């Protein structure tokens, strides 16, 4: 299975690695290490989901 680095995913998506790391943390992308040494292991499925994400700034409106 091929894995991508956070930097590779950020470059493909045209975004900053910090945004990519935050998305990975919130969406359960697999990782190794802890704290500052944490390295995310992006699969093809993770990459496709990230590329399809909602790119609008801010939080989505709350449904009533």
C-alpha atoms as a PDB file:
ATOM      1  CA  UNK A   1       0.000   0.000   0.000  1.00  0.00           C
ATOM      2  CA  UNK A   2       1.344   3.433  -0.908  1.00  0.00           C
ATOM      3  CA  UNK A   3       1.352   6.175   1.714  1.00  0.00           C
ATOM      4  CA  UNK A   4       1.698   9.923   1.221  1.00  0.00           C
ATOM      5  CA  UNK A   5       3.332  12.439   3.529  1.00  0.00           C
ATOM      6  CA  UNK A   6       1.517  15.483   4.859  1.00  0.00           C
ATOM      7  CA  UNK A   7       3.783  17.653   2.723  1.00  0.00           C
ATOM      8  CA  UNK A   8       2.881  15.702  -0.447  1.00  0.00           C
ATOM      9  CA  UNK A   9      -0.842  15.972   0.323  1.00  0.00           C
ATOM     10  CA  UNK A  10      -0.541  19.714   1.001  1.00  0.00           C
ATOM     11  CA  UNK A  11       1.304  20.265  -2.292  1.00  0.00           C
ATOM     12  CA  UNK A  12      -1.305  18.308  -4.274  1.00  0.00           C
ATOM     13  CA  UNK A  13      -4.148  20.224  -2.616  1.00  0.00           C
ATOM     14  CA  UNK A  14      -2.429  23.617  -2.904  1.00  0.00           C
ATOM     15  CA  UNK A  15      -2.741  24.283   0.827  1.00  0.00           C
ATOM     16  CA  UNK A  16      -0.494  24.732   3.857  1.00  0.00           C
ATOM     17  CA  UNK A  17       0.773  21.648   5.747  1.00  0.00           C
ATOM     18  CA  UNK A  18      -0.759  23.013   8.983  1.00  0.00           C
ATOM     19  CA  UNK A  19      -4.247  22.881   7.440  1.00  0.00           C
ATOM     20  CA  UNK A  20      -3.545  19.385   6.157  1.00  0.00           C
ATOM     21  CA  UNK A  21      -2.338  18.196   9.593  1.00  0.00           C
ATOM     22  CA  UNK A  22      -5.411  19.649  11.323  1.00  0.00           C
ATOM     23  CA  UNK A  23      -7.724  17.873   8.868  1.00  0.00           C
ATOM     24  CA  UNK A  24      -5.803  14.613   9.394  1.00  0.00           C
ATOM     25  CA  UNK A  25      -6.184  14.887  13.163  1.00  0.00           C
ATOM     26  CA  UNK A  26      -9.925  15.640  12.944  1.00  0.00           C
ATOM     27  CA  UNK A  27     -10.657  12.866  10.417  1.00  0.00           C
ATOM     28  CA  UNK A  28      -8.684   9.978  11.888  1.00  0.00           C
ATOM     29  CA  UNK A  29      -5.807   9.648   9.430  1.00  0.00           C
ATOM     30  CA  UNK A  30      -3.415   6.954  10.718  1.00  0.00           C
ATOM     31  CA  UNK A  31      -0.150   8.122  12.239  1.00  0.00           C
ATOM     32  CA  UNK A  32       3.028   6.958  13.906  1.00  0.00           C
ATOM     33  CA  UNK A  33       4.866   8.713  16.734  1.00  0.00           C
ATOM     34  CA  UNK A  34       3.611  11.166  19.324  1.00  0.00           C
ATOM     35  CA  UNK A  35       3.509  14.912  19.881  1.00  0.00           C
ATOM     36  CA  UNK A  36       5.902  16.851  17.658  1.00  0.00           C
ATOM     37  CA  UNK A  37       7.213  13.595  16.177  1.00  0.00           C
ATOM     38  CA  UNK A  38       3.774  12.518  14.904  1.00  0.00           C
ATOM     39  CA  UNK A  39       3.841  11.557  11.233  1.00  0.00           C
ATOM     40  CA  UNK A  40       0.569  11.023   9.380  1.00  0.00           C
ATOM     41  CA  UNK A  41       0.336   8.117   6.935  1.00  0.00           C
ATOM     42  CA  UNK A  42      -2.061   9.256   4.224  1.00  0.00           C
ATOM     43  CA  UNK A  43      -3.672   6.546   2.090  1.00  0.00           C
ATOM     44  CA  UNK A  44      -5.163   7.125  -1.350  1.00  0.00           C
ATOM     45  CA  UNK A  45      -8.621   7.118   0.297  1.00  0.00           C
ATOM     46  CA  UNK A  46      -7.535   9.810   2.807  1.00  0.00           C
ATOM     47  CA  UNK A  47      -6.056  11.911   0.011  1.00  0.00           C
ATOM     48  CA  UNK A  48      -9.260  11.748  -2.071  1.00  0.00           C
ATOM     49  CA  UNK A  49     -11.399  12.664   0.958  1.00  0.00           C
ATOM     50  CA  UNK A  50      -9.151  15.643   1.718  1.00  0.00           C
ATOM     51  CA  UNK A  51      -9.350  16.892  -1.854  1.00  0.00           C
ATOM     52  CA  UNK A  52     -13.186  16.720  -1.693  1.00  0.00           C
ATOM     53  CA  UNK A  53     -13.416  18.595   1.627  1.00  0.00           C
ATOM     54  CA  UNK A  54     -15.451  21.757   2.165  1.00  0.00           C
ATOM     55  CA  UNK A  55     -13.029  24.574   1.355  1.00  0.00           C
ATOM     56  CA  UNK A  56     -15.168  27.470   2.584  1.00  0.00           C
ATOM     57  CA  UNK A  57     -13.644  29.561   5.345  1.00  0.00           C
ATOM     58  CA  UNK A  58     -15.234  29.478   8.792  1.00  0.00           C
ATOM     59  CA  UNK A  59     -17.521  26.969  10.372  1.00  0.00           C
ATOM     60  CA  UNK A  60     -20.595  25.575   8.624  1.00  0.00           C
ATOM     61  CA  UNK A  61     -23.926  27.037   9.762  1.00  0.00           C
ATOM     62  CA  UNK A  62     -25.715  25.270  12.585  1.00  0.00           C
ATOM     63  CA  UNK A  63     -28.833  23.415  11.421  1.00  0.00           C
ATOM     64  CA  UNK A  64     -31.930  24.140  13.507  1.00  0.00           C
END
